[in-house]
Amino acid sequence: KAIGSAFQPRMIRRLTDNTLAIARDLVAAAATGEPVDFVAEVSAKLPATVICDLLGVPPTDRQWISGVTQTAFGDPGPDHAATQVAAHTELFDYCDHLVNTKRREPGEDVATALTTATLGGRPMSQEVAVLNCHGLISGGNETTRHAGSAAALSMVTWPGQWELLRAGRASVDDAAEETLRFSSPANHVMRVATADHEVGGVTIRAGEFTTLWLGSANRDEDVFIRPDDLDFTRRPNRHLTFGLGGHFCLGAFLARMELRSLIQALLEQVDAVALAGEPQRLVSNFLRGYTRLPLTLEPR
């Protein structure tokens, strides 16, 4: 509720316009017909740049934030674990510094809104404000990085769906939701049962840890027609990419906005896409995506 109150109509309009402008600039720079790593040059840069604008990060700090977020949310394989932990520690420290700065020098941004937000009628604590800042960085980065890469790759693997977009037979909003369902960047979450419950003939006891496989739910043939097909005209699309209920992803609004902007920019500026090398997947059973996606993007 505190985060939601930060997104006033004027801020949402400014953020939406700025995000589309950023996506267009990144895609234009990549669409030269020459090989480019789409992850490094587009899908990782977009959320890092947008989050700086959202939180009111000073221009002098933005290049550093972009670099540290790419390290924090890059390949989570065992060889990079210590580096990633250090990067997240730096992000927490920076969020603490940013919240303190906004208390002294408020602006029109979400970090400032967090300094004045209340929880249960009391001012939000420094710890919770910092956690919310980091949560927004996490939610936007992880989802957009991987879903954005999946969107670009689908121009190679599912070109017919992009023809539907170009012909106006599918909308950018529906294409973004279907990309989220199809790619399922967060593969699973763990919860603790608060009461006995039966699912599919199996009894889950109160207190037991339960893993919910979001990627599997998003391909449930009882819910989705042709679940293994990418379909930009799919409606309704009740995917669980961001979870559900009280644990619904904090960064869902941000990730959706970024992904819609990226798809719009690709639609406007890219005529054809081809693989320029072998895509490299993340070494992870939690996140689904790519650490490297070599493509050639022909400009329109």
Protein backbone atom coordinates (compact mmCIF):
# COMPACT_ATOMS: atom_id res chain seq x y z
CA LYS A 1 0.00 0.00 0.00
CA ALA A 2 2.87 2.37 0.79
CA ILE A 3 4.52 1.65 -2.56
CA GLY A 4 1.20 2.03 -4.38
CA SER A 5 0.64 5.46 -2.86
CA ALA A 6 3.97 6.59 -4.30
CA PHE A 7 2.73 6.07 -7.86
CA GLN A 8 0.62 9.18 -8.34
CA PRO A 9 -0.90 9.75 -11.84
CA ARG A 10 1.62 12.46 -12.74
CA MET A 11 4.55 10.24 -11.73
CA ILE A 12 3.14 7.26 -13.66
CA ARG A 13 2.74 9.33 -16.83
CA ARG A 14 6.28 10.69 -16.57
CA LEU A 15 7.74 7.27 -15.80
CA THR A 16 5.83 5.60 -18.66
CA ASP A 17 6.97 8.21 -21.18
CA ASN A 18 10.57 8.08 -19.97
CA THR A 19 10.65 4.27 -20.04
CA LEU A 20 9.47 4.14 -23.65
CA ALA A 21 12.06 6.77 -24.61
CA ILE A 22 14.82 4.75 -22.92
CA ALA A 23 13.69 1.53 -24.64
CA ARG A 24 13.63 3.25 -28.03
CA ASP A 25 17.15 4.62 -27.55
CA LEU A 26 18.55 1.23 -26.50
CA VAL A 27 16.89 -0.64 -29.38
CA ALA A 28 17.97 2.00 -31.90
CA ALA A 29 21.58 1.67 -30.75
CA ALA A 30 21.39 -2.13 -31.09
CA ALA A 31 19.54 -2.26 -34.42
CA THR A 32 22.50 -1.74 -36.73
CA GLY A 33 22.53 -5.07 -38.56
CA GLU A 34 25.73 -5.97 -36.71
CA PRO A 35 25.95 -8.73 -34.04
CA VAL A 36 25.04 -7.52 -30.55
CA ASP A 37 24.59 -9.20 -27.17
CA PHE A 38 20.97 -8.28 -26.53
CA VAL A 39 21.22 -9.06 -22.81
CA ALA A 40 24.17 -6.76 -22.13
CA GLU A 41 23.16 -3.94 -24.47
CA VAL A 42 19.38 -3.83 -24.12
CA SER A 43 17.48 -6.08 -21.72
CA ALA A 44 19.87 -5.57 -18.78
CA LYS A 45 20.36 -1.84 -19.34
CA LEU A 46 16.66 -0.99 -19.58
CA PRO A 47 15.61 -1.87 -15.99
CA ALA A 48 18.80 -0.47 -14.49
CA THR A 49 18.24 2.86 -16.25
CA VAL A 50 14.53 3.01 -15.41
CA ILE A 51 15.04 2.21 -11.73
CA CYS A 52 17.43 5.14 -11.43
CA ASP A 53 14.75 7.44 -12.83
CA LEU A 54 12.08 5.92 -10.59
CA LEU A 55 14.05 6.25 -7.35
CA GLY A 56 15.50 9.67 -8.13
CA VAL A 57 19.12 8.49 -8.31
CA PRO A 58 21.37 11.48 -9.17
CA PRO A 59 22.83 11.43 -12.72
CA THR A 60 26.37 11.19 -11.28
CA ASP A 61 25.51 7.82 -9.66
CA ARG A 62 23.60 6.20 -12.52
CA GLN A 63 26.50 4.58 -14.37
CA TRP A 64 27.65 2.98 -11.11
CA ILE A 65 24.12 1.76 -10.33
CA SER A 66 23.83 0.27 -13.81
CA GLY A 67 27.10 -1.63 -13.35
CA VAL A 68 26.40 -2.94 -9.85
CA THR A 69 22.87 -4.08 -10.74
CA GLN A 70 24.17 -6.00 -13.75
CA THR A 71 26.63 -7.74 -11.42
CA ALA A 72 24.01 -8.40 -8.73
CA PHE A 73 21.45 -9.85 -11.15
CA GLY A 74 23.78 -11.55 -13.62
CA ASP A 75 24.66 -15.25 -13.84
CA PRO A 76 23.93 -16.78 -10.39
CA GLY A 77 26.23 -19.76 -10.96
CA PRO A 78 28.55 -20.94 -8.16
CA ASP A 79 31.58 -19.16 -9.62
CA HIS A 80 29.84 -15.79 -9.22
CA ALA A 81 28.10 -16.22 -5.86
CA ALA A 82 30.55 -14.19 -3.76
CA THR A 83 30.63 -11.36 -6.30
CA GLN A 84 26.84 -11.22 -6.40
CA VAL A 85 26.52 -11.14 -2.61
CA ALA A 86 29.00 -8.26 -2.50
CA ALA A 87 27.04 -6.40 -5.19
CA HIS A 88 23.76 -6.81 -3.30
CA THR A 89 25.47 -5.53 -0.15
CA GLU A 90 26.57 -2.45 -2.09
CA LEU A 91 23.01 -1.97 -3.33
CA PHE A 92 21.60 -2.16 0.21
CA ASP A 93 24.21 0.38 1.37
CA TYR A 94 23.34 2.67 -1.51
CA CYS A 95 19.59 2.39 -0.84
CA ASP A 96 20.27 3.38 2.78
CA HIS A 97 22.29 6.38 1.59
CA LEU A 98 19.59 7.34 -0.94
CA VAL A 99 16.75 7.22 1.61
CA ASN A 100 18.76 9.39 4.02
CA THR A 101 19.49 11.86 1.23
CA LYS A 102 15.81 12.09 0.25
CA ARG A 103 14.86 12.83 3.86
CA ARG A 104 17.10 15.91 3.69
CA GLU A 105 16.50 16.82 0.04
CA PRO A 106 13.09 15.50 -1.10
CA GLY A 107 12.18 15.24 -4.77
CA GLU A 108 9.37 13.89 -6.97
CA ASP A 109 10.39 10.23 -6.86
CA VAL A 110 9.58 6.95 -5.13
CA ALA A 111 12.54 7.12 -2.75
CA THR A 112 11.17 10.40 -1.43
CA ALA A 113 7.67 8.92 -1.15
CA LEU A 114 9.06 6.10 0.98
CA THR A 115 10.52 8.58 3.45
CA THR A 116 7.05 10.02 4.11
CA ALA A 117 5.01 6.79 3.87
CA THR A 118 3.26 5.30 6.90
CA LEU A 119 2.59 1.73 7.97
CA GLY A 120 -0.17 1.14 10.49
CA GLY A 121 -0.40 4.85 11.12
CA ARG A 122 3.30 5.16 11.94
CA PRO A 123 6.14 6.46 9.75
CA MET A 124 7.90 3.77 7.75
CA SER A 125 11.15 2.75 9.40
CA GLN A 126 14.51 3.23 7.73
CA GLU A 127 14.94 -0.55 7.45
CA VAL A 128 11.60 -1.06 5.69
CA ALA A 129 12.18 1.90 3.36
CA VAL A 130 15.57 0.47 2.35
CA LEU A 131 14.08 -3.01 1.85
CA ASN A 132 11.37 -1.52 -0.38
CA CYS A 133 13.98 0.31 -2.48
CA HIS A 134 15.95 -2.89 -2.93
CA GLY A 135 12.72 -4.82 -3.64
CA LEU A 136 11.87 -2.48 -6.50
CA ILE A 137 15.37 -2.89 -7.93
CA SER A 138 15.09 -6.70 -7.66
CA GLY A 139 11.58 -6.99 -9.10
CA GLY A 140 12.21 -4.79 -12.10
CA ASN A 141 15.66 -6.14 -12.93
CA GLU A 142 15.09 -9.89 -12.77
CA THR A 143 11.79 -10.02 -14.65
CA THR A 144 12.53 -7.49 -17.38
CA ARG A 145 16.04 -8.76 -18.04
CA HIS A 146 14.84 -12.29 -18.79
CA ALA A 147 11.39 -11.62 -20.24
CA GLY A 148 12.86 -8.86 -22.43
CA SER A 149 15.47 -11.23 -23.82
CA ALA A 150 12.73 -13.83 -24.41
CA ALA A 151 10.71 -11.23 -26.34
CA ALA A 152 13.63 -10.48 -28.67
CA LEU A 153 14.37 -14.18 -29.18
CA SER A 154 10.71 -14.82 -30.04
CA MET A 155 11.21 -12.61 -33.11
CA VAL A 156 13.42 -15.46 -34.36
CA THR A 157 11.49 -18.45 -33.01
CA TRP A 158 7.89 -17.20 -33.33
CA PRO A 159 7.95 -14.65 -36.21
CA GLY A 160 4.27 -15.24 -36.97
CA GLN A 161 3.29 -13.71 -33.65
CA TRP A 162 5.18 -10.52 -34.47
CA GLU A 163 3.37 -10.40 -37.81
CA LEU A 164 0.12 -10.37 -35.83
CA LEU A 165 1.44 -7.37 -33.88
CA ARG A 166 2.46 -5.53 -37.05
CA ALA A 167 -0.94 -6.23 -38.60
CA GLY A 168 -2.75 -4.87 -35.54
CA ARG A 169 -4.32 -8.26 -34.79
CA ALA A 170 -2.62 -8.43 -31.39
CA SER A 171 -1.84 -5.70 -28.87
CA VAL A 172 1.46 -4.83 -27.22
CA ASP A 173 -0.17 -5.29 -23.80
CA ASP A 174 -1.33 -8.82 -24.63
CA ALA A 175 2.06 -9.64 -26.18
CA ALA A 176 3.78 -8.57 -22.96
CA GLU A 177 1.48 -10.70 -20.78
CA GLU A 178 1.98 -13.72 -23.03
CA THR A 179 5.76 -13.23 -23.00
CA LEU A 180 5.65 -13.19 -19.19
CA ARG A 181 3.61 -16.41 -19.15
CA PHE A 182 5.71 -18.17 -21.76
CA SER A 183 9.11 -17.19 -20.35
CA SER A 184 8.24 -17.41 -16.59
CA PRO A 185 11.47 -15.70 -15.42
CA ALA A 186 10.98 -16.73 -11.77
CA ASN A 187 10.59 -20.50 -11.92
CA HIS A 188 9.38 -21.14 -8.38
CA VAL A 189 8.65 -19.73 -4.92
CA MET A 190 8.56 -21.41 -1.52
CA ARG A 191 5.80 -20.96 1.02
CA VAL A 192 4.90 -22.44 4.43
CA ALA A 193 1.41 -23.93 4.75
CA THR A 194 -0.65 -22.25 7.48
CA ALA A 195 -3.28 -25.03 7.55
CA ASP A 196 -3.76 -28.57 6.27
CA HIS A 197 -4.76 -28.57 2.63
CA GLU A 198 -5.24 -31.16 -0.12
CA VAL A 199 -3.93 -30.51 -3.64
CA GLY A 200 -4.27 -33.11 -6.36
CA GLY A 201 -4.90 -35.87 -3.86
CA VAL A 202 -1.82 -34.97 -1.80
CA THR A 203 -2.24 -33.63 1.75
CA ILE A 204 -0.03 -30.70 2.72
CA ARG A 205 0.26 -30.33 6.47
CA ALA A 206 0.35 -27.03 8.33
CA GLY A 207 3.94 -25.92 8.83
CA GLU A 208 5.31 -27.82 5.84
CA PHE A 209 7.47 -26.05 3.28
CA THR A 210 5.87 -26.11 -0.17
CA THR A 211 7.49 -25.22 -3.47
CA LEU A 212 5.18 -23.66 -6.04
CA TRP A 213 6.49 -24.09 -9.60
CA LEU A 214 5.34 -20.98 -11.45
CA GLY A 215 6.77 -22.17 -14.75
CA SER A 216 4.68 -25.33 -14.52
CA ALA A 217 1.52 -23.44 -13.52
CA ASN A 218 1.97 -21.14 -16.52
CA ARG A 219 1.96 -24.19 -18.82
CA ASP A 220 -1.04 -25.90 -17.15
CA GLU A 221 -3.08 -27.53 -19.93
CA ASP A 222 -6.20 -27.33 -17.74
CA VAL A 223 -5.93 -23.53 -17.76
CA PHE A 224 -4.26 -22.63 -21.06
CA ILE A 225 -5.10 -23.83 -24.58
CA ARG A 226 -1.92 -24.99 -26.36
CA PRO A 227 0.20 -23.96 -23.33
CA ASP A 228 3.51 -24.65 -25.10
CA ASP A 229 2.70 -22.21 -27.91
CA LEU A 230 3.43 -18.50 -27.75
CA ASP A 231 0.14 -16.77 -28.60
CA PHE A 232 0.00 -12.97 -28.53
CA THR A 233 -3.80 -13.10 -28.89
CA ARG A 234 -4.28 -15.23 -25.76
CA ARG A 235 -7.16 -14.01 -23.59
CA PRO A 236 -7.79 -14.43 -20.76
CA ASN A 237 -4.20 -14.91 -19.64
CA ARG A 238 -4.27 -15.79 -15.94
CA HIS A 239 -0.54 -16.46 -15.59
CA LEU A 240 1.15 -16.54 -12.19
CA THR A 241 4.48 -15.00 -13.18
CA PHE A 242 4.23 -12.43 -10.38
CA GLY A 243 2.61 -14.74 -7.84
CA LEU A 244 -0.78 -14.06 -6.26
CA GLY A 245 -2.35 -12.55 -3.15
CA GLY A 246 -0.37 -11.08 -0.28
CA HIS A 247 2.99 -12.10 -1.81
CA PHE A 248 2.28 -10.57 -5.23
CA CYS A 249 5.55 -9.25 -6.69
CA LEU A 250 6.43 -5.74 -5.53
CA GLY A 251 8.00 -4.89 -8.90
CA ALA A 252 5.16 -6.22 -11.12
CA PHE A 253 3.98 -2.78 -12.24
CA LEU A 254 7.52 -1.74 -13.10
CA ALA A 255 8.37 -4.97 -14.93
CA ARG A 256 5.18 -4.84 -17.00
CA MET A 257 5.78 -1.23 -17.98
CA GLU A 258 9.36 -1.94 -19.01
CA LEU A 259 8.45 -5.03 -21.02
CA ARG A 260 5.61 -3.25 -22.86
CA SER A 261 7.99 -0.41 -23.73
CA LEU A 262 10.64 -2.82 -25.01
CA ILE A 263 8.17 -4.73 -27.20
CA GLN A 264 6.83 -1.42 -28.56
CA ALA A 265 10.37 -0.27 -29.40
CA LEU A 266 11.20 -3.57 -31.13
CA LEU A 267 7.96 -3.39 -33.09
CA GLU A 268 8.68 0.16 -34.26
CA GLN A 269 12.38 -0.09 -35.04
CA VAL A 270 13.31 -3.66 -35.95
CA ASP A 271 12.51 -5.26 -39.30
CA ALA A 272 14.13 -8.67 -38.85
CA VAL A 273 16.15 -10.56 -36.22
CA ALA A 274 18.58 -13.46 -36.58
CA LEU A 275 20.78 -15.40 -34.20
CA ALA A 276 24.43 -14.32 -34.32
CA GLY A 277 25.71 -17.11 -32.04
CA GLU A 278 24.62 -19.62 -29.44
CA PRO A 279 22.43 -18.20 -26.64
CA GLN A 280 23.80 -18.96 -23.17
CA ARG A 281 21.30 -19.85 -20.46
CA LEU A 282 21.55 -18.98 -16.78
CA VAL A 283 22.97 -21.67 -14.51
CA SER A 284 20.01 -21.64 -12.12
CA ASN A 285 16.94 -23.63 -11.12
CA PHE A 286 15.27 -20.47 -9.80
CA LEU A 287 15.59 -17.96 -12.65
CA ARG A 288 14.91 -18.80 -16.30
CA GLY A 289 16.70 -16.69 -18.85
CA TYR A 290 19.93 -15.96 -20.68
CA THR A 291 23.27 -14.52 -19.72
CA ARG A 292 24.13 -13.93 -23.38
CA LEU A 293 21.92 -13.59 -26.44
CA PRO A 294 23.87 -12.79 -29.64
CA LEU A 295 21.51 -11.31 -32.26
CA THR A 296 21.59 -9.19 -35.37
CA LEU A 297 18.75 -6.66 -35.49
CA GLU A 298 17.99 -5.19 -38.91
CA PRO A 299 16.53 -1.67 -38.61
CA ARG A 300 13.22 -0.82 -40.23
